[in-house]
């Protein structure tokens, strides 16, 4: 068993949160014990920073000392101050090329930025979940390639079976220029090349002096694979997809059964 971790990184949806988007008391208490023992807590998600701050507050987790890996690791944010520690966006020309290519497929392009989600259709698949959970607002535009904001992450939403069928073909021409991953079955996402939760972890460790081998990460989906591989101890949830379980060092109980709390018990017993 490794020494107590210096850093615990938790994915949010399907990991920290239950299926009804709540944090179980035992999971919250385990993270609070870790925090009180001096371990830093980070939330790593495809969600925007404002959505991650909302999750921390709703869960009763202290923001002091917390770091947020937002938009699949395309930015690092100090949870207390909201200060951006690092960020990487998709180049404008590449972004426009991807959007125009994606118009061939039955998907809806969405761009989250600050407290907004830009969309060409107010009826885009599952956009109400994206805005409702993060406390953001949908902004309809005529041409999403012309929005006046930097693009950290481009999302494609659609019915899960349909999206799974087209994801590989959608991403193929850009495989050597962008990163792609599913965050939900209904959401396929692109970030800048070399940007993912794993590289965000390495960047944060380098900046803060935390030893990578003293980190523990929890995740459940395709966009957690790099994080689980990079962390000193990668722990997949019992409900995780096969790729995440294969990337992890071990598997804990599912997100509805206090999987995080069970795994942390070895260092931070109740």
C-alpha atoms as a PDB file:
ATOM      1  CA  UNK A   1       0.000   0.000   0.000  1.00  0.00           C
ATOM      2  CA  UNK A   2       1.331   3.419  -0.966  1.00  0.00           C
ATOM      3  CA  UNK A   3       1.809   6.177   1.603  1.00  0.00           C
ATOM      4  CA  UNK A   4      -1.176   8.465   2.228  1.00  0.00           C
ATOM      5  CA  UNK A   5      -1.720  10.462  -0.963  1.00  0.00           C
ATOM      6  CA  UNK A   6      -0.697  14.084  -1.262  1.00  0.00           C
ATOM      7  CA  UNK A   7      -3.416  14.616  -3.853  1.00  0.00           C
ATOM      8  CA  UNK A   8      -6.767  12.951  -4.577  1.00  0.00           C
ATOM      9  CA  UNK A   9      -8.288  13.662  -7.994  1.00  0.00           C
ATOM     10  CA  UNK A  10     -11.966  12.833  -8.467  1.00  0.00           C
ATOM     11  CA  UNK A  11     -13.898  12.762 -11.673  1.00  0.00           C
ATOM     12  CA  UNK A  12     -17.395  14.103 -11.031  1.00  0.00           C
ATOM     13  CA  UNK A  13     -20.189  12.473 -13.037  1.00  0.00           C
ATOM     14  CA  UNK A  14     -20.396   8.736 -12.502  1.00  0.00           C
ATOM     15  CA  UNK A  15     -17.651   8.940  -9.869  1.00  0.00           C
ATOM     16  CA  UNK A  16     -18.065  11.553  -7.132  1.00  0.00           C
ATOM     17  CA  UNK A  17     -21.751  11.976  -7.929  1.00  0.00           C
ATOM     18  CA  UNK A  18     -24.373   9.252  -7.766  1.00  0.00           C
ATOM     19  CA  UNK A  19     -26.709   8.551 -10.648  1.00  0.00           C
ATOM     20  CA  UNK A  20     -29.085  11.223  -9.306  1.00  0.00           C
ATOM     21  CA  UNK A  21     -26.269  13.821  -9.141  1.00  0.00           C
ATOM     22  CA  UNK A  22     -25.761  13.832  -5.369  1.00  0.00           C
ATOM     23  CA  UNK A  23     -22.745  13.107  -3.161  1.00  0.00           C
ATOM     24  CA  UNK A  24     -23.280  10.350  -0.611  1.00  0.00           C
ATOM     25  CA  UNK A  25     -22.519  11.397   2.996  1.00  0.00           C
ATOM     26  CA  UNK A  26     -19.876   8.687   3.487  1.00  0.00           C
ATOM     27  CA  UNK A  27     -18.055   9.796   0.341  1.00  0.00           C
ATOM     28  CA  UNK A  28     -18.135  13.442   1.404  1.00  0.00           C
ATOM     29  CA  UNK A  29     -16.919  12.543   4.903  1.00  0.00           C
ATOM     30  CA  UNK A  30     -14.017  10.472   3.542  1.00  0.00           C
ATOM     31  CA  UNK A  31     -12.861  13.396   1.403  1.00  0.00           C
ATOM     32  CA  UNK A  32     -13.225  15.771   4.353  1.00  0.00           C
ATOM     33  CA  UNK A  33     -11.032  13.490   6.492  1.00  0.00           C
ATOM     34  CA  UNK A  34      -8.421  13.489   3.720  1.00  0.00           C
ATOM     35  CA  UNK A  35      -8.595  17.278   3.474  1.00  0.00           C
ATOM     36  CA  UNK A  36      -8.219  17.659   7.248  1.00  0.00           C
ATOM     37  CA  UNK A  37      -5.172  15.367   7.108  1.00  0.00           C
ATOM     38  CA  UNK A  38      -3.512  17.731   4.637  1.00  0.00           C
ATOM     39  CA  UNK A  39      -4.269  15.948   1.366  1.00  0.00           C
ATOM     40  CA  UNK A  40      -5.213  18.226  -1.511  1.00  0.00           C
ATOM     41  CA  UNK A  41      -8.486  17.514  -3.302  1.00  0.00           C
ATOM     42  CA  UNK A  42      -9.004  18.154  -7.018  1.00  0.00           C
ATOM     43  CA  UNK A  43     -12.100  17.758  -9.163  1.00  0.00           C
ATOM     44  CA  UNK A  44     -11.433  16.743 -12.774  1.00  0.00           C
ATOM     45  CA  UNK A  45     -14.293  16.855 -15.223  1.00  0.00           C
ATOM     46  CA  UNK A  46     -15.593  17.803 -18.604  1.00  0.00           C
ATOM     47  CA  UNK A  47     -17.703  20.326 -16.714  1.00  0.00           C
ATOM     48  CA  UNK A  48     -16.800  24.026 -16.762  1.00  0.00           C
ATOM     49  CA  UNK A  49     -15.005  25.554 -13.770  1.00  0.00           C
ATOM     50  CA  UNK A  50     -18.180  27.333 -12.665  1.00  0.00           C
ATOM     51  CA  UNK A  51     -19.962  23.979 -12.673  1.00  0.00           C
ATOM     52  CA  UNK A  52     -17.192  22.362 -10.625  1.00  0.00           C
ATOM     53  CA  UNK A  53     -17.350  25.140  -8.038  1.00  0.00           C
ATOM     54  CA  UNK A  54     -21.083  24.480  -7.850  1.00  0.00           C
ATOM     55  CA  UNK A  55     -20.458  20.750  -7.306  1.00  0.00           C
ATOM     56  CA  UNK A  56     -17.968  21.430  -4.502  1.00  0.00           C
ATOM     57  CA  UNK A  57     -20.375  23.771  -2.749  1.00  0.00           C
ATOM     58  CA  UNK A  58     -23.369  21.447  -3.087  1.00  0.00           C
ATOM     59  CA  UNK A  59     -21.276  18.550  -1.803  1.00  0.00           C
ATOM     60  CA  UNK A  60     -20.061  20.482   1.222  1.00  0.00           C
ATOM     61  CA  UNK A  61     -16.412  20.184   0.181  1.00  0.00           C
ATOM     62  CA  UNK A  62     -14.166  23.115   1.169  1.00  0.00           C
ATOM     63  CA  UNK A  63     -12.758  25.096  -1.736  1.00  0.00           C
ATOM     64  CA  UNK A  64      -9.631  26.181   0.130  1.00  0.00           C
ATOM     65  CA  UNK A  65      -6.681  24.364  -1.376  1.00  0.00           C
ATOM     66  CA  UNK A  66      -8.882  22.692  -3.988  1.00  0.00           C
ATOM     67  CA  UNK A  67      -7.880  22.685  -7.655  1.00  0.00           C
ATOM     68  CA  UNK A  68     -10.275  22.229 -10.565  1.00  0.00           C
ATOM     69  CA  UNK A  69      -9.318  20.471 -13.805  1.00  0.00           C
ATOM     70  CA  UNK A  70     -12.052  21.933 -16.003  1.00  0.00           C
ATOM     71  CA  UNK A  71     -13.175  21.048 -19.511  1.00  0.00           C
ATOM     72  CA  UNK A  72     -11.358  17.688 -19.490  1.00  0.00           C
ATOM     73  CA  UNK A  73      -8.120  19.204 -18.245  1.00  0.00           C
ATOM     74  CA  UNK A  74      -7.933  22.134 -20.644  1.00  0.00           C
ATOM     75  CA  UNK A  75      -7.695  24.515 -17.689  1.00  0.00           C
ATOM     76  CA  UNK A  76      -6.488  24.436 -14.090  1.00  0.00           C
ATOM     77  CA  UNK A  77      -8.381  26.690 -11.701  1.00  0.00           C
ATOM     78  CA  UNK A  78      -7.900  27.656  -8.058  1.00  0.00           C
ATOM     79  CA  UNK A  79     -11.305  26.706  -6.642  1.00  0.00           C
ATOM     80  CA  UNK A  80     -11.236  29.359  -3.928  1.00  0.00           C
ATOM     81  CA  UNK A  81     -10.229  32.394  -5.989  1.00  0.00           C
ATOM     82  CA  UNK A  82     -11.336  31.301  -9.456  1.00  0.00           C
ATOM     83  CA  UNK A  83      -7.863  32.200 -10.747  1.00  0.00           C
ATOM     84  CA  UNK A  84      -6.782  30.416 -13.916  1.00  0.00           C
ATOM     85  CA  UNK A  85      -3.462  28.679 -13.276  1.00  0.00           C
ATOM     86  CA  UNK A  86      -3.116  27.250 -16.787  1.00  0.00           C
ATOM     87  CA  UNK A  87      -5.276  26.854 -19.879  1.00  0.00           C
ATOM     88  CA  UNK A  88      -5.088  25.611 -23.454  1.00  0.00           C
ATOM     89  CA  UNK A  89      -7.620  26.294 -26.188  1.00  0.00           C
ATOM     90  CA  UNK A  90      -8.319  24.848 -29.628  1.00  0.00           C
ATOM     91  CA  UNK A  91      -6.921  26.982 -32.457  1.00  0.00           C
ATOM     92  CA  UNK A  92      -9.671  28.936 -34.221  1.00  0.00           C
ATOM     93  CA  UNK A  93      -9.053  27.564 -37.718  1.00  0.00           C
ATOM     94  CA  UNK A  94      -8.902  23.996 -36.459  1.00  0.00           C
ATOM     95  CA  UNK A  95     -12.059  24.492 -34.428  1.00  0.00           C
ATOM     96  CA  UNK A  96     -13.966  25.828 -37.441  1.00  0.00           C
ATOM     97  CA  UNK A  97     -12.693  22.974 -39.610  1.00  0.00           C
ATOM     98  CA  UNK A  98     -13.923  20.408 -37.086  1.00  0.00           C
ATOM     99  CA  UNK A  99     -17.353  22.010 -36.729  1.00  0.00           C
ATOM    100  CA  UNK A 100     -17.853  22.156 -40.490  1.00  0.00           C
ATOM    101  CA  UNK A 101     -16.734  18.541 -40.840  1.00  0.00           C
ATOM    102  CA  UNK A 102     -19.150  17.509 -38.078  1.00  0.00           C
ATOM    103  CA  UNK A 103     -22.105  18.996 -39.947  1.00  0.00           C
ATOM    104  CA  UNK A 104     -22.114  15.790 -42.011  1.00  0.00           C
ATOM    105  CA  UNK A 105     -23.190  13.846 -38.936  1.00  0.00           C
ATOM    106  CA  UNK A 106     -26.375  13.781 -36.811  1.00  0.00           C
ATOM    107  CA  UNK A 107     -24.771  15.588 -33.866  1.00  0.00           C
ATOM    108  CA  UNK A 108     -25.194  18.978 -32.209  1.00  0.00           C
ATOM    109  CA  UNK A 109     -22.037  21.064 -31.626  1.00  0.00           C
ATOM    110  CA  UNK A 110     -21.960  22.851 -28.260  1.00  0.00           C
ATOM    111  CA  UNK A 111     -19.296  25.158 -26.826  1.00  0.00           C
ATOM    112  CA  UNK A 112     -19.222  25.875 -23.084  1.00  0.00           C
ATOM    113  CA  UNK A 113     -17.584  29.105 -21.972  1.00  0.00           C
ATOM    114  CA  UNK A 114     -17.788  30.794 -18.574  1.00  0.00           C
ATOM    115  CA  UNK A 115     -21.471  30.695 -17.575  1.00  0.00           C
ATOM    116  CA  UNK A 116     -22.786  30.011 -21.083  1.00  0.00           C
ATOM    117  CA  UNK A 117     -23.165  27.182 -23.575  1.00  0.00           C
ATOM    118  CA  UNK A 118     -23.179  28.281 -27.200  1.00  0.00           C
ATOM    119  CA  UNK A 119     -25.432  26.324 -29.539  1.00  0.00           C
ATOM    120  CA  UNK A 120     -27.033  26.679 -32.944  1.00  0.00           C
ATOM    121  CA  UNK A 121     -30.149  24.915 -31.671  1.00  0.00           C
ATOM    122  CA  UNK A 122     -31.932  25.495 -28.354  1.00  0.00           C
ATOM    123  CA  UNK A 123     -33.243  21.938 -28.704  1.00  0.00           C
ATOM    124  CA  UNK A 124     -29.790  20.329 -28.946  1.00  0.00           C
ATOM    125  CA  UNK A 125     -29.775  16.850 -27.455  1.00  0.00           C
ATOM    126  CA  UNK A 126     -29.451  16.918 -23.623  1.00  0.00           C
ATOM    127  CA  UNK A 127     -28.458  20.595 -23.517  1.00  0.00           C
ATOM    128  CA  UNK A 128     -30.857  21.029 -20.605  1.00  0.00           C
ATOM    129  CA  UNK A 129     -28.728  18.609 -18.568  1.00  0.00           C
ATOM    130  CA  UNK A 130     -25.550  20.533 -19.415  1.00  0.00           C
ATOM    131  CA  UNK A 131     -27.033  23.882 -18.412  1.00  0.00           C
ATOM    132  CA  UNK A 132     -29.133  22.662 -15.498  1.00  0.00           C
ATOM    133  CA  UNK A 133     -26.367  20.777 -13.715  1.00  0.00           C
ATOM    134  CA  UNK A 134     -23.773  23.506 -14.186  1.00  0.00           C
ATOM    135  CA  UNK A 135     -25.997  26.508 -13.582  1.00  0.00           C
ATOM    136  CA  UNK A 136     -25.148  27.849 -17.030  1.00  0.00           C
ATOM    137  CA  UNK A 137     -27.284  29.407 -19.754  1.00  0.00           C
ATOM    138  CA  UNK A 138     -27.739  28.356 -23.382  1.00  0.00           C
ATOM    139  CA  UNK A 139     -26.930  31.058 -25.941  1.00  0.00           C
ATOM    140  CA  UNK A 140     -28.248  30.468 -29.449  1.00  0.00           C
ATOM    141  CA  UNK A 141     -26.083  31.659 -32.344  1.00  0.00           C
ATOM    142  CA  UNK A 142     -26.556  31.459 -36.100  1.00  0.00           C
ATOM    143  CA  UNK A 143     -23.060  30.082 -36.758  1.00  0.00           C
ATOM    144  CA  UNK A 144     -21.174  28.480 -33.894  1.00  0.00           C
ATOM    145  CA  UNK A 145     -17.856  28.831 -35.743  1.00  0.00           C
ATOM    146  CA  UNK A 146     -18.108  32.595 -35.250  1.00  0.00           C
ATOM    147  CA  UNK A 147     -18.564  32.843 -31.488  1.00  0.00           C
ATOM    148  CA  UNK A 148     -16.366  35.562 -29.902  1.00  0.00           C
ATOM    149  CA  UNK A 149     -14.845  33.408 -27.159  1.00  0.00           C
ATOM    150  CA  UNK A 150     -11.864  31.033 -26.856  1.00  0.00           C
ATOM    151  CA  UNK A 151     -12.804  27.369 -27.219  1.00  0.00           C
ATOM    152  CA  UNK A 152     -11.399  25.091 -24.533  1.00  0.00           C
ATOM    153  CA  UNK A 153     -13.691  22.214 -25.412  1.00  0.00           C
ATOM    154  CA  UNK A 154     -16.058  21.392 -28.257  1.00  0.00           C
ATOM    155  CA  UNK A 155     -18.895  19.035 -27.416  1.00  0.00           C
ATOM    156  CA  UNK A 156     -20.983  16.925 -29.773  1.00  0.00           C
ATOM    157  CA  UNK A 157     -24.251  15.707 -28.290  1.00  0.00           C
ATOM    158  CA  UNK A 158     -26.661  13.149 -29.656  1.00  0.00           C
ATOM    159  CA  UNK A 159     -28.576   9.964 -28.839  1.00  0.00           C
ATOM    160  CA  UNK A 160     -26.019   7.488 -27.401  1.00  0.00           C
ATOM    161  CA  UNK A 161     -26.316   4.708 -29.992  1.00  0.00           C
ATOM    162  CA  UNK A 162     -26.254   7.181 -32.863  1.00  0.00           C
ATOM    163  CA  UNK A 163     -23.299   9.079 -31.415  1.00  0.00           C
ATOM    164  CA  UNK A 164     -21.313   5.893 -30.817  1.00  0.00           C
ATOM    165  CA  UNK A 165     -21.820   4.868 -34.443  1.00  0.00           C
ATOM    166  CA  UNK A 166     -20.386   8.096 -35.885  1.00  0.00           C
ATOM    167  CA  UNK A 167     -17.748   9.059 -33.284  1.00  0.00           C
ATOM    168  CA  UNK A 168     -14.800   7.300 -34.908  1.00  0.00           C
ATOM    169  CA  UNK A 169     -15.575   8.651 -38.370  1.00  0.00           C
ATOM    170  CA  UNK A 170     -16.132  12.148 -36.982  1.00  0.00           C
ATOM    171  CA  UNK A 171     -12.785  12.158 -35.176  1.00  0.00           C
ATOM    172  CA  UNK A 172     -10.655  10.294 -37.741  1.00  0.00           C
ATOM    173  CA  UNK A 173      -9.433  13.270 -39.855  1.00  0.00           C
ATOM    174  CA  UNK A 174      -8.343  15.067 -36.683  1.00  0.00           C
ATOM    175  CA  UNK A 175      -6.821  12.186 -34.733  1.00  0.00           C
ATOM    176  CA  UNK A 176      -3.303  13.662 -34.916  1.00  0.00           C
ATOM    177  CA  UNK A 177      -4.439  17.225 -34.209  1.00  0.00           C
ATOM    178  CA  UNK A 178      -6.961  16.975 -31.362  1.00  0.00           C
ATOM    179  CA  UNK A 179      -7.900  14.824 -28.373  1.00  0.00           C
ATOM    180  CA  UNK A 180     -11.298  13.081 -28.379  1.00  0.00           C
ATOM    181  CA  UNK A 181     -13.185  11.241 -25.650  1.00  0.00           C
ATOM    182  CA  UNK A 182     -16.671  10.431 -24.423  1.00  0.00           C
ATOM    183  CA  UNK A 183     -17.627  12.053 -21.120  1.00  0.00           C
ATOM    184  CA  UNK A 184     -21.164  10.652 -21.221  1.00  0.00           C
ATOM    185  CA  UNK A 185     -22.781   8.204 -23.583  1.00  0.00           C
ATOM    186  CA  UNK A 186     -24.523  11.209 -25.153  1.00  0.00           C
ATOM    187  CA  UNK A 187     -21.516  13.543 -25.263  1.00  0.00           C
ATOM    188  CA  UNK A 188     -18.368  13.181 -27.413  1.00  0.00           C
ATOM    189  CA  UNK A 189     -15.800  15.910 -26.802  1.00  0.00           C
ATOM    190  CA  UNK A 190     -12.710  17.456 -28.389  1.00  0.00           C
ATOM    191  CA  UNK A 191      -9.868  19.357 -26.719  1.00  0.00           C
ATOM    192  CA  UNK A 192      -6.503  20.617 -27.958  1.00  0.00           C
ATOM    193  CA  UNK A 193      -3.865  18.018 -28.777  1.00  0.00           C
ATOM    194  CA  UNK A 194      -2.117  16.763 -25.654  1.00  0.00           C
ATOM    195  CA  UNK A 195      -4.836  18.126 -23.381  1.00  0.00           C
ATOM    196  CA  UNK A 196      -6.595  15.653 -21.117  1.00  0.00           C
ATOM    197  CA  UNK A 197      -7.059  14.991 -17.416  1.00  0.00           C
ATOM    198  CA  UNK A 198      -3.792  13.048 -17.267  1.00  0.00           C
ATOM    199  CA  UNK A 199      -1.667  15.863 -18.668  1.00  0.00           C
ATOM    200  CA  UNK A 200      -3.491  18.272 -16.346  1.00  0.00           C
ATOM    201  CA  UNK A 201      -2.459  16.098 -13.399  1.00  0.00           C
ATOM    202  CA  UNK A 202       1.172  16.094 -14.525  1.00  0.00           C
ATOM    203  CA  UNK A 203       1.108  19.856 -15.023  1.00  0.00           C
ATOM    204  CA  UNK A 204      -0.386  20.457 -11.585  1.00  0.00           C
ATOM    205  CA  UNK A 205       2.117  18.152  -9.888  1.00  0.00           C
ATOM    206  CA  UNK A 206       4.970  19.947 -11.622  1.00  0.00           C
ATOM    207  CA  UNK A 207       3.680  23.331 -10.493  1.00  0.00           C
ATOM    208  CA  UNK A 208       2.898  22.356  -6.915  1.00  0.00           C
ATOM    209  CA  UNK A 209       5.776  20.006  -6.106  1.00  0.00           C
ATOM    210  CA  UNK A 210       3.479  17.038  -5.509  1.00  0.00           C
ATOM    211  CA  UNK A 211       5.022  13.668  -6.326  1.00  0.00           C
ATOM    212  CA  UNK A 212       2.955  11.955  -9.033  1.00  0.00           C
ATOM    213  CA  UNK A 213       3.454   8.619  -7.285  1.00  0.00           C
ATOM    214  CA  UNK A 214       1.694  10.103  -4.239  1.00  0.00           C
ATOM    215  CA  UNK A 215      -1.518  10.812  -6.165  1.00  0.00           C
ATOM    216  CA  UNK A 216      -4.758   8.841  -6.267  1.00  0.00           C
ATOM    217  CA  UNK A 217      -7.324   9.309  -9.032  1.00  0.00           C
ATOM    218  CA  UNK A 218     -10.900   8.082  -9.397  1.00  0.00           C
ATOM    219  CA  UNK A 219     -12.792   7.854 -12.694  1.00  0.00           C
ATOM    220  CA  UNK A 220     -15.374   5.957 -14.685  1.00  0.00           C
ATOM    221  CA  UNK A 221     -15.427   7.020 -18.325  1.00  0.00           C
ATOM    222  CA  UNK A 222     -13.312   7.248 -21.466  1.00  0.00           C
ATOM    223  CA  UNK A 223     -12.191  10.788 -20.630  1.00  0.00           C
ATOM    224  CA  UNK A 224     -10.691   9.438 -17.373  1.00  0.00           C
ATOM    225  CA  UNK A 225      -8.398   6.866 -19.013  1.00  0.00           C
ATOM    226  CA  UNK A 226      -5.303   9.101 -19.178  1.00  0.00           C
ATOM    227  CA  UNK A 227      -5.875  10.298 -15.618  1.00  0.00           C
ATOM    228  CA  UNK A 228      -6.111   6.740 -14.293  1.00  0.00           C
ATOM    229  CA  UNK A 229      -2.946   5.724 -16.149  1.00  0.00           C
ATOM    230  CA  UNK A 230      -0.889   8.712 -14.992  1.00  0.00           C
ATOM    231  CA  UNK A 231      -1.856   8.784 -11.303  1.00  0.00           C
ATOM    232  CA  UNK A 232       0.246   6.986  -8.733  1.00  0.00           C
ATOM    233  CA  UNK A 233      -2.825   4.864  -8.042  1.00  0.00           C
ATOM    234  CA  UNK A 234      -5.657   4.882 -10.554  1.00  0.00           C
ATOM    235  CA  UNK A 235      -8.952   3.561  -9.207  1.00  0.00           C
ATOM    236  CA  UNK A 236     -11.880   2.871 -11.522  1.00  0.00           C
ATOM    237  CA  UNK A 237     -15.411   2.874 -10.207  1.00  0.00           C
ATOM    238  CA  UNK A 238     -17.423  -0.331 -10.307  1.00  0.00           C
ATOM    239  CA  UNK A 239     -19.702   1.287 -12.882  1.00  0.00           C
ATOM    240  CA  UNK A 240     -16.770   2.327 -15.107  1.00  0.00           C
ATOM    241  CA  UNK A 241     -16.533   1.530 -18.802  1.00  0.00           C
ATOM    242  CA  UNK A 242     -14.124  -1.226 -19.807  1.00  0.00           C
ATOM    243  CA  UNK A 243     -11.420   1.164 -21.032  1.00  0.00           C
ATOM    244  CA  UNK A 244     -11.310   2.910 -17.651  1.00  0.00           C
ATOM    245  CA  UNK A 245     -11.124  -0.360 -15.729  1.00  0.00           C
ATOM    246  CA  UNK A 246      -8.290  -1.570 -17.954  1.00  0.00           C
ATOM    247  CA  UNK A 247      -6.349   1.666 -17.399  1.00  0.00           C
ATOM    248  CA  UNK A 248      -6.776   1.569 -13.615  1.00  0.00           C
ATOM    249  CA  UNK A 249      -4.670  -0.191 -11.002  1.00  0.00           C
ATOM    250  CA  UNK A 250      -7.746  -1.366  -9.140  1.00  0.00           C
ATOM    251  CA  UNK A 251     -11.535  -1.213  -9.188  1.00  0.00           C
ATOM    252  CA  UNK A 252     -13.697  -0.075  -6.280  1.00  0.00           C
ATOM    253  CA  UNK A 253     -17.452  -0.157  -5.691  1.00  0.00           C
ATOM    254  CA  UNK A 254     -19.742   1.859  -7.945  1.00  0.00           C
ATOM    255  CA  UNK A 255     -20.699   5.514  -7.592  1.00  0.00           C
ATOM    256  CA  UNK A 256     -23.996   4.627  -5.908  1.00  0.00           C
ATOM    257  CA  UNK A 257     -22.232   2.472  -3.289  1.00  0.00           C
ATOM    258  CA  UNK A 258     -19.593   4.832  -1.848  1.00  0.00           C
ATOM    259  CA  UNK A 259     -16.791   3.507  -4.036  1.00  0.00           C
ATOM    260  CA  UNK A 260     -14.565   6.497  -3.251  1.00  0.00           C
ATOM    261  CA  UNK A 261     -15.104   6.179   0.499  1.00  0.00           C
ATOM    262  CA  UNK A 262     -14.359   2.454   0.435  1.00  0.00           C
ATOM    263  CA  UNK A 263     -11.080   3.018  -1.399  1.00  0.00           C
ATOM    264  CA  UNK A 264      -9.960   5.855   0.903  1.00  0.00           C
ATOM    265  CA  UNK A 265     -10.678   3.872   4.069  1.00  0.00           C
ATOM    266  CA  UNK A 266      -7.147   2.408   4.029  1.00  0.00           C
ATOM    267  CA  UNK A 267      -5.629   5.869   4.662  1.00  0.00           C
ATOM    268  CA  UNK A 268      -8.457   7.851   6.217  1.00  0.00           C
ATOM    269  CA  UNK A 269     -10.614   5.502   8.315  1.00  0.00           C
ATOM    270  CA  UNK A 270     -13.853   6.762   9.807  1.00  0.00           C
END
